[in-house]
């Protein structure tokens, strides 16, 4: 075995099969010569009863002396219990982020997530994550990579935070699938951007304006009746858009809707008299099981966003979102003195903190008492038959 030098390497010619030439100073270091004539520096050792061999550099990229030093460093790490060739092999076999994205969508999202969540996850994965990180190996992604992607989206904080959540879930699954080491999720400790919760509630005058617009659209035929019925049901039930869009006649009962599937799984929606009357007037389309039938035979209405934009513009409510109808339903209930647990039950909330966003709309009990006390004092003063000082003990007695 000759010493691997520049002259030795240059003298090696290709043969009919690949072959190795090992260094006489360091037996685990050598050169592989392929039939194609390509020459590479290699290192070889035994680990766990197996022979590990890897080509780590093309001849010409490193000098023989530099390659020998590199091989010596690799072998030194083996003496410390490491497996550098095994690690390099694992890295080569490691899937890209794009590969993991596809597995995430097919094995997790499509199986475990609701339809709306699937749409949101696919938007984040296909529209943001794959274009930005898809070409990288999943094992190479670090916290700075995720931090940069999140920072680049700082002008759209809601989408930035949703994307961070999707990435975090995907990297947790990558650990479960053995694609990354445990506890290596690069999304950990990254703070989310502050989101401004938009609160938009319809006033009585705006409710009236929207109602008039829907009636006019029904009379002049400018909008489809399924769309008009959908919006009216949203207003009268406080249900989610997806719950009304996919509502089937088999789920409609005299005093409630028995939803077989919703954001919070199966639930009942109490039907007010107005909502029940509306449902009784909606025409059944033969062969279509849905209350809000679509243009495709046997299917429900897919999207009402375009007609909704026309309707809200006609009602001079340009900033009103579909989900604001649900918030307005809740605001009326809370302002009318209903307790938050009851409102949460009406809306199908499973967590009390979700309903707590409406707490500030509830009548202030301290103000109610203060108003009652002040009214009694004012009445006594106006009557002129007693002084405020005499009235106070009577108030306290109450």
Protein backbone atom coordinates (compact mmCIF):
# COMPACT_ATOMS: atom_id res chain seq x y z
CA UNK A 1 0.00 0.00 0.00
CA UNK A 2 1.68 3.23 -1.12
CA UNK A 3 1.44 6.48 0.71
CA UNK A 4 -1.34 8.60 -0.70
CA UNK A 5 0.37 11.53 -2.35
CA UNK A 6 -0.45 13.79 -5.28
CA UNK A 7 1.76 11.67 -7.57
CA UNK A 8 0.19 8.43 -6.33
CA UNK A 9 -3.31 9.72 -6.92
CA UNK A 10 -2.48 11.00 -10.40
CA UNK A 11 -1.03 7.64 -11.39
CA UNK A 12 -4.23 5.73 -10.59
CA UNK A 13 -6.11 4.68 -13.74
CA UNK A 14 -9.68 3.37 -14.02
CA UNK A 15 -10.29 -0.36 -14.40
CA UNK A 16 -13.25 -2.49 -15.39
CA UNK A 17 -14.48 -2.37 -11.76
CA UNK A 18 -14.21 0.12 -8.90
CA UNK A 19 -11.20 -0.39 -6.64
CA UNK A 20 -9.55 1.12 -3.54
CA UNK A 21 -5.98 2.12 -2.75
CA UNK A 22 -5.22 2.47 0.95
CA UNK A 23 -2.63 4.71 2.59
CA UNK A 24 0.41 3.02 4.17
CA UNK A 25 0.52 5.61 7.02
CA UNK A 26 -3.17 5.43 7.94
CA UNK A 27 -4.80 2.20 6.85
CA UNK A 28 -8.35 3.55 7.25
CA UNK A 29 -7.72 6.32 4.72
CA UNK A 30 -7.61 5.78 0.98
CA UNK A 31 -8.77 6.61 -2.52
CA UNK A 32 -11.65 5.04 -4.43
CA UNK A 33 -11.27 4.89 -8.21
CA UNK A 34 -14.50 4.33 -10.11
CA UNK A 35 -14.86 2.78 -13.56
CA UNK A 36 -15.87 6.23 -14.81
CA UNK A 37 -12.48 7.59 -13.73
CA UNK A 38 -13.86 9.61 -10.80
CA UNK A 39 -11.55 9.47 -7.78
CA UNK A 40 -12.62 10.20 -4.22
CA UNK A 41 -10.97 10.20 -0.79
CA UNK A 42 -12.56 7.67 1.55
CA UNK A 43 -12.43 6.71 5.20
CA UNK A 44 -13.29 3.30 6.63
CA UNK A 45 -13.73 1.92 10.18
CA UNK A 46 -15.80 -0.58 12.18
CA UNK A 47 -18.63 0.52 14.44
CA UNK A 48 -21.13 -1.70 16.20
CA UNK A 49 -19.87 -4.77 14.39
CA UNK A 50 -20.32 -3.15 11.00
CA UNK A 51 -17.85 -1.72 8.53
CA UNK A 52 -18.48 1.95 7.83
CA UNK A 53 -17.05 3.45 4.65
CA UNK A 54 -17.69 6.81 3.07
CA UNK A 55 -16.27 8.99 0.31
CA UNK A 56 -16.00 12.47 1.80
CA UNK A 57 -14.32 14.49 -0.97
CA UNK A 58 -13.51 14.35 -4.66
CA UNK A 59 -9.83 14.28 -5.59
CA UNK A 60 -8.89 17.79 -6.60
CA UNK A 61 -11.16 19.41 -4.07
CA UNK A 62 -8.69 18.58 -1.28
CA UNK A 63 -4.99 17.91 -1.35
CA UNK A 64 -3.92 14.44 -0.13
CA UNK A 65 -2.49 15.96 3.07
CA UNK A 66 -5.70 17.87 3.79
CA UNK A 67 -7.77 14.77 3.07
CA UNK A 68 -5.58 12.75 5.45
CA UNK A 69 -6.09 15.34 8.20
CA UNK A 70 -9.82 15.29 7.63
CA UNK A 71 -9.89 11.48 7.78
CA UNK A 72 -7.82 11.59 10.99
CA UNK A 73 -10.42 13.93 12.52
CA UNK A 74 -13.24 11.60 11.55
CA UNK A 75 -11.46 8.62 13.10
CA UNK A 76 -10.75 10.61 16.27
CA UNK A 77 -14.50 11.17 16.65
CA UNK A 78 -15.02 7.41 16.29
CA UNK A 79 -12.69 6.87 19.26
CA UNK A 80 -15.02 9.17 21.24
CA UNK A 81 -17.98 6.91 20.49
CA UNK A 82 -19.36 8.84 17.55
CA UNK A 83 -20.34 7.49 14.14
CA UNK A 84 -19.53 10.20 11.56
CA UNK A 85 -20.07 8.03 8.50
CA UNK A 86 -23.37 6.81 9.90
CA UNK A 87 -24.36 10.41 10.50
CA UNK A 88 -23.42 11.38 6.96
CA UNK A 89 -25.42 8.44 5.62
CA UNK A 90 -28.40 9.43 7.75
CA UNK A 91 -28.14 12.97 6.43
CA UNK A 92 -28.11 11.78 2.81
CA UNK A 93 -31.22 9.69 3.48
CA UNK A 94 -32.96 12.47 5.37
CA UNK A 95 -36.06 13.74 3.54
CA UNK A 96 -36.46 17.34 2.51
CA UNK A 97 -38.91 19.69 4.17
CA UNK A 98 -41.10 19.36 1.06
CA UNK A 99 -41.19 15.57 1.53
CA UNK A 100 -42.20 15.94 5.18
CA UNK A 101 -44.84 18.50 4.20
CA UNK A 102 -46.49 15.95 1.92
CA UNK A 103 -46.40 13.29 4.62
CA UNK A 104 -47.80 15.80 7.13
CA UNK A 105 -50.72 16.64 4.82
CA UNK A 106 -51.58 13.06 3.92
CA UNK A 107 -50.92 11.18 7.17
CA UNK A 108 -51.94 13.81 9.72
CA UNK A 109 -53.96 16.70 8.30
CA UNK A 110 -56.19 14.64 6.00
CA UNK A 111 -56.88 12.10 8.76
CA UNK A 112 -57.15 14.14 11.96
CA UNK A 113 -58.22 17.67 11.01
CA UNK A 114 -61.59 19.21 10.24
CA UNK A 115 -62.26 20.38 6.68
CA UNK A 116 -61.71 24.08 7.48
CA UNK A 117 -58.47 23.28 9.32
CA UNK A 118 -57.30 21.17 6.39
CA UNK A 119 -57.83 24.13 4.04
CA UNK A 120 -55.90 26.47 6.36
CA UNK A 121 -53.04 23.99 6.83
CA UNK A 122 -52.73 23.35 3.10
CA UNK A 123 -52.61 27.09 2.46
CA UNK A 124 -49.75 27.52 4.93
CA UNK A 125 -47.85 24.47 3.68
CA UNK A 126 -48.23 24.95 -0.08
CA UNK A 127 -48.26 28.73 -0.13
CA UNK A 128 -45.58 29.57 2.44
CA UNK A 129 -43.60 26.69 3.98
CA UNK A 130 -42.71 24.67 0.86
CA UNK A 131 -41.67 27.68 -1.26
CA UNK A 132 -39.46 29.02 1.55
CA UNK A 133 -38.02 25.86 3.14
CA UNK A 134 -39.01 22.94 0.91
CA UNK A 135 -35.57 22.33 -0.64
CA UNK A 136 -33.76 22.00 2.72
CA UNK A 137 -33.19 18.71 4.52
CA UNK A 138 -35.53 18.38 7.49
CA UNK A 139 -32.54 17.73 9.77
CA UNK A 140 -30.83 20.94 8.66
CA UNK A 141 -33.59 23.35 9.67
CA UNK A 142 -32.57 25.44 12.69
CA UNK A 143 -34.30 27.97 14.90
CA UNK A 144 -32.78 30.93 13.00
CA UNK A 145 -34.34 29.57 9.79
CA UNK A 146 -37.79 29.54 11.37
CA UNK A 147 -37.20 32.89 13.08
CA UNK A 148 -36.34 34.50 9.73
CA UNK A 149 -39.43 33.11 8.02
CA UNK A 150 -41.60 34.33 10.91
CA UNK A 151 -39.90 37.74 10.90
CA UNK A 152 -40.37 38.15 7.15
CA UNK A 153 -44.14 37.86 7.75
CA UNK A 154 -44.28 40.44 10.55
CA UNK A 155 -46.58 42.70 8.51
CA UNK A 156 -49.24 39.97 8.55
CA UNK A 157 -49.00 38.82 12.20
CA UNK A 158 -52.04 36.56 12.12
CA UNK A 159 -50.74 34.54 9.15
CA UNK A 160 -47.21 34.57 10.60
CA UNK A 161 -48.44 33.05 13.86
CA UNK A 162 -50.63 30.46 12.13
CA UNK A 163 -47.67 29.40 9.97
CA UNK A 164 -45.47 29.10 13.06
CA UNK A 165 -48.11 26.86 14.68
CA UNK A 166 -48.29 24.64 11.59
CA UNK A 167 -44.49 24.35 11.48
CA UNK A 168 -44.33 23.51 15.17
CA UNK A 169 -46.86 20.70 14.75
CA UNK A 170 -45.03 19.37 11.70
CA UNK A 171 -41.65 19.32 13.47
CA UNK A 172 -43.18 17.58 16.49
CA UNK A 173 -44.41 14.87 14.14
CA UNK A 174 -40.97 14.73 12.49
CA UNK A 175 -39.60 13.73 15.91
CA UNK A 176 -42.35 11.11 16.32
CA UNK A 177 -41.51 9.71 12.87
CA UNK A 178 -37.81 9.50 13.78
CA UNK A 179 -36.75 12.15 11.27
CA UNK A 180 -35.29 14.48 13.93
CA UNK A 181 -33.95 13.92 17.42
CA UNK A 182 -36.30 14.36 20.38
CA UNK A 183 -36.59 17.91 21.68
CA UNK A 184 -35.12 19.46 18.53
CA UNK A 185 -38.24 21.35 17.38
CA UNK A 186 -36.77 24.63 15.99
CA UNK A 187 -40.06 26.48 16.63
CA UNK A 188 -39.64 26.28 20.41
CA UNK A 189 -39.22 29.56 22.32
CA UNK A 190 -40.10 31.72 19.31
CA UNK A 191 -42.55 34.39 20.53
CA UNK A 192 -45.63 35.02 18.45
CA UNK A 193 -46.61 38.46 17.26
CA UNK A 194 -49.34 40.29 19.10
CA UNK A 195 -52.63 40.02 17.25
CA UNK A 196 -55.30 42.67 17.41
CA UNK A 197 -58.64 40.98 17.97
CA UNK A 198 -61.14 42.84 15.82
CA UNK A 199 -64.45 43.43 17.52
CA UNK A 200 -67.26 44.40 15.19
CA UNK A 201 -70.84 44.18 16.41
CA UNK A 202 -73.93 45.25 14.51
CA UNK A 203 -76.08 48.00 16.01
CA UNK A 204 -79.87 47.85 15.91
CA UNK A 205 -79.86 50.28 12.99
CA UNK A 206 -77.28 48.16 11.12
CA UNK A 207 -79.30 44.99 11.74
CA UNK A 208 -82.30 46.76 10.23
CA UNK A 209 -80.26 47.98 7.25
CA UNK A 210 -78.87 44.50 6.57
CA UNK A 211 -82.33 42.95 6.90
CA UNK A 212 -83.81 45.44 4.44
CA UNK A 213 -81.02 44.75 1.96
CA UNK A 214 -81.59 41.00 2.13
CA UNK A 215 -85.33 41.50 1.57
CA UNK A 216 -84.69 43.77 -1.41
CA UNK A 217 -82.23 41.27 -2.91
CA UNK A 218 -84.82 38.52 -2.52
CA UNK A 219 -87.52 40.63 -4.22
CA UNK A 220 -85.46 41.80 -7.18
CA UNK A 221 -83.62 38.49 -7.61
CA UNK A 222 -80.18 40.11 -7.57
CA UNK A 223 -78.86 37.39 -5.25
CA UNK A 224 -79.57 33.67 -5.04
CA UNK A 225 -82.07 32.60 -2.40
CA UNK A 226 -79.68 29.95 -0.96
CA UNK A 227 -77.19 32.75 -0.20
CA UNK A 228 -79.87 34.98 1.33
CA UNK A 229 -81.20 32.09 3.43
CA UNK A 230 -77.67 31.22 4.56
CA UNK A 231 -77.00 34.77 5.79
CA UNK A 232 -80.36 34.98 7.55
CA UNK A 233 -79.75 31.66 9.32
CA UNK A 234 -76.30 32.88 10.42
CA UNK A 235 -77.89 35.99 11.91
CA UNK A 236 -80.70 34.11 13.69
CA UNK A 237 -78.66 31.17 15.06
CA UNK A 238 -75.16 32.50 15.76
CA UNK A 239 -73.83 29.35 14.07
CA UNK A 240 -70.56 29.12 12.19
CA UNK A 241 -70.61 29.57 8.42
CA UNK A 242 -69.42 26.01 7.79
CA UNK A 243 -72.19 24.66 10.05
CA UNK A 244 -74.93 26.38 8.02
CA UNK A 245 -73.32 25.75 4.62
CA UNK A 246 -73.16 21.99 5.27
CA UNK A 247 -76.45 21.75 7.20
CA UNK A 248 -78.58 18.82 6.04
CA UNK A 249 -82.36 18.52 6.28
CA UNK A 250 -81.88 15.32 8.28
CA UNK A 251 -80.22 17.47 10.99
CA UNK A 252 -83.13 19.92 11.23
CA UNK A 253 -85.58 19.26 14.04
CA UNK A 254 -88.52 21.23 15.40
CA UNK A 255 -86.60 23.11 18.10
CA UNK A 256 -82.95 22.43 17.36
CA UNK A 257 -80.30 21.52 14.79
CA UNK A 258 -78.50 18.24 15.49
CA UNK A 259 -75.16 18.90 13.80
CA UNK A 260 -73.35 15.63 13.20
CA UNK A 261 -70.04 17.40 12.67
CA UNK A 262 -68.78 20.89 13.51
CA UNK A 263 -65.62 22.60 14.68
CA UNK A 264 -66.29 21.16 18.15
CA UNK A 265 -67.62 17.80 16.89
CA UNK A 266 -71.31 16.91 17.11
CA UNK A 267 -73.48 19.53 18.84
CA UNK A 268 -77.00 20.90 19.07
CA UNK A 269 -77.96 24.40 18.02
CA UNK A 270 -81.09 25.73 19.68
CA UNK A 271 -83.59 27.05 17.13
CA UNK A 272 -85.29 30.32 17.97
CA UNK A 273 -88.80 30.78 16.61
CA UNK A 274 -87.57 33.11 13.88
CA UNK A 275 -84.96 30.60 12.68
CA UNK A 276 -87.49 27.76 12.77
CA UNK A 277 -89.98 29.82 10.74
CA UNK A 278 -87.30 30.61 8.17
CA UNK A 279 -86.38 26.94 7.81
CA UNK A 280 -90.03 26.04 7.31
CA UNK A 281 -90.18 28.44 4.34
CA UNK A 282 -87.01 27.20 2.61
CA UNK A 283 -87.76 25.05 -0.40
CA UNK A 284 -86.46 21.49 -0.45
CA UNK A 285 -84.54 20.66 -3.62
CA UNK A 286 -85.35 17.14 -4.70
CA UNK A 287 -82.32 14.88 -4.54
CA UNK A 288 -80.26 17.41 -2.56
CA UNK A 289 -79.86 16.72 1.19
CA UNK A 290 -78.58 20.23 2.00
CA UNK A 291 -80.56 23.18 3.35
CA UNK A 292 -78.33 25.58 1.38
CA UNK A 293 -78.13 23.81 -2.00
CA UNK A 294 -75.35 24.64 -4.44
CA UNK A 295 -75.24 24.88 -8.21
CA UNK A 296 -73.85 21.34 -8.48
CA UNK A 297 -76.53 18.68 -8.17
CA UNK A 298 -76.57 17.09 -4.72
CA UNK A 299 -73.99 19.50 -3.26
CA UNK A 300 -74.16 22.41 -0.81
CA UNK A 301 -73.29 26.01 -1.65
CA UNK A 302 -69.50 26.24 -1.66
CA UNK A 303 -68.70 29.92 -1.09
CA UNK A 304 -70.80 33.00 -0.35
CA UNK A 305 -67.90 35.44 -0.15
CA UNK A 306 -68.57 37.19 -3.48
CA UNK A 307 -72.32 37.63 -2.97
CA UNK A 308 -71.63 38.62 0.63
CA UNK A 309 -69.33 41.43 -0.53
CA UNK A 310 -72.09 42.69 -2.84
CA UNK A 311 -74.70 42.51 -0.09
CA UNK A 312 -72.63 44.31 2.55
CA UNK A 313 -71.70 47.02 0.04
CA UNK A 314 -75.38 47.48 -0.80
CA UNK A 315 -76.16 47.76 2.93
CA UNK A 316 -73.31 50.25 3.38
CA UNK A 317 -71.50 47.88 5.75
CA UNK A 318 -68.17 47.53 3.88
CA UNK A 319 -66.14 46.34 6.90
CA UNK A 320 -68.58 43.66 8.07
CA UNK A 321 -67.22 40.11 7.91
CA UNK A 322 -69.34 36.95 7.86
CA UNK A 323 -68.02 35.93 11.27
CA UNK A 324 -69.14 39.32 12.68
CA UNK A 325 -72.72 38.04 12.39
CA UNK A 326 -71.87 35.36 14.94
CA UNK A 327 -70.15 37.91 17.18
CA UNK A 328 -73.17 40.20 16.91
CA UNK A 329 -75.50 37.36 17.93
CA UNK A 330 -73.37 36.83 21.03
CA UNK A 331 -73.15 40.56 21.80
CA UNK A 332 -76.94 40.91 21.80
CA UNK A 333 -77.27 37.96 24.19
CA UNK A 334 -74.61 39.27 26.60
CA UNK A 335 -75.87 42.86 26.49
CA UNK A 336 -79.33 41.55 27.27
CA UNK A 337 -78.04 40.10 30.54
CA UNK A 338 -77.47 36.47 29.60
CA UNK A 339 -74.62 34.76 31.46
CA UNK A 340 -71.41 33.89 29.65
CA UNK A 341 -71.87 30.10 30.20
CA UNK A 342 -75.28 30.28 28.51
CA UNK A 343 -73.87 32.30 25.62
CA UNK A 344 -71.03 29.81 25.29
CA UNK A 345 -73.59 27.02 25.10
CA UNK A 346 -75.49 28.87 22.38
CA UNK A 347 -72.32 29.33 20.32
CA UNK A 348 -70.97 25.83 20.86
CA UNK A 349 -67.84 26.92 22.71
CA UNK A 350 -66.00 24.14 24.55
CA UNK A 351 -63.64 26.46 26.46
CA UNK A 352 -64.89 29.24 28.81
CA UNK A 353 -62.03 31.52 27.75
CA UNK A 354 -63.40 31.54 24.21
CA UNK A 355 -66.65 33.13 25.44
CA UNK A 356 -64.79 35.45 27.81
CA UNK A 357 -64.05 37.83 24.90
CA UNK A 358 -67.64 39.07 25.27
CA UNK A 359 -67.40 39.73 29.01
CA UNK A 360 -66.91 43.47 28.57
CA UNK A 361 -70.32 43.70 26.90
CA UNK A 362 -72.16 42.45 29.99
CA UNK A 363 -73.89 45.09 32.15
CA UNK A 364 -71.57 46.29 34.91
CA UNK A 365 -73.21 45.17 38.19
CA UNK A 366 -71.56 48.01 40.13
CA UNK A 367 -72.93 50.55 37.67
CA UNK A 368 -76.39 48.98 37.92
CA UNK A 369 -76.37 49.40 41.71
CA UNK A 370 -74.98 52.92 41.43
CA UNK A 371 -77.70 53.89 38.96
CA UNK A 372 -80.41 52.46 41.21
CA UNK A 373 -79.09 54.26 44.28
CA UNK A 374 -78.71 57.57 42.45
CA UNK A 375 -82.20 57.24 40.97
CA UNK A 376 -83.72 56.69 44.41
CA UNK A 377 -81.87 59.68 45.85
CA UNK A 378 -82.87 61.87 42.91
CA UNK A 379 -86.51 60.80 43.26
CA UNK A 380 -86.46 61.64 46.98
CA UNK A 381 -84.93 65.05 46.31
CA UNK A 382 -87.42 65.83 43.56
CA UNK A 383 -90.31 64.84 45.81
CA UNK A 384 -89.22 67.48 48.33
CA UNK A 385 -90.65 65.63 51.29
CA UNK A 386 -87.38 64.23 52.55
CA UNK A 387 -83.73 65.21 52.45
CA UNK A 388 -81.00 63.04 50.92
CA UNK A 389 -79.59 62.53 54.40
CA UNK A 390 -82.84 60.89 55.52
CA UNK A 391 -83.02 58.81 52.39
CA UNK A 392 -79.61 57.18 52.81
CA UNK A 393 -80.47 54.87 55.74
CA UNK A 394 -83.46 53.54 53.82
CA UNK A 395 -81.23 52.80 50.81
CA UNK A 396 -78.71 51.03 53.01
CA UNK A 397 -81.49 48.96 54.53
CA UNK A 398 -82.41 47.66 51.14
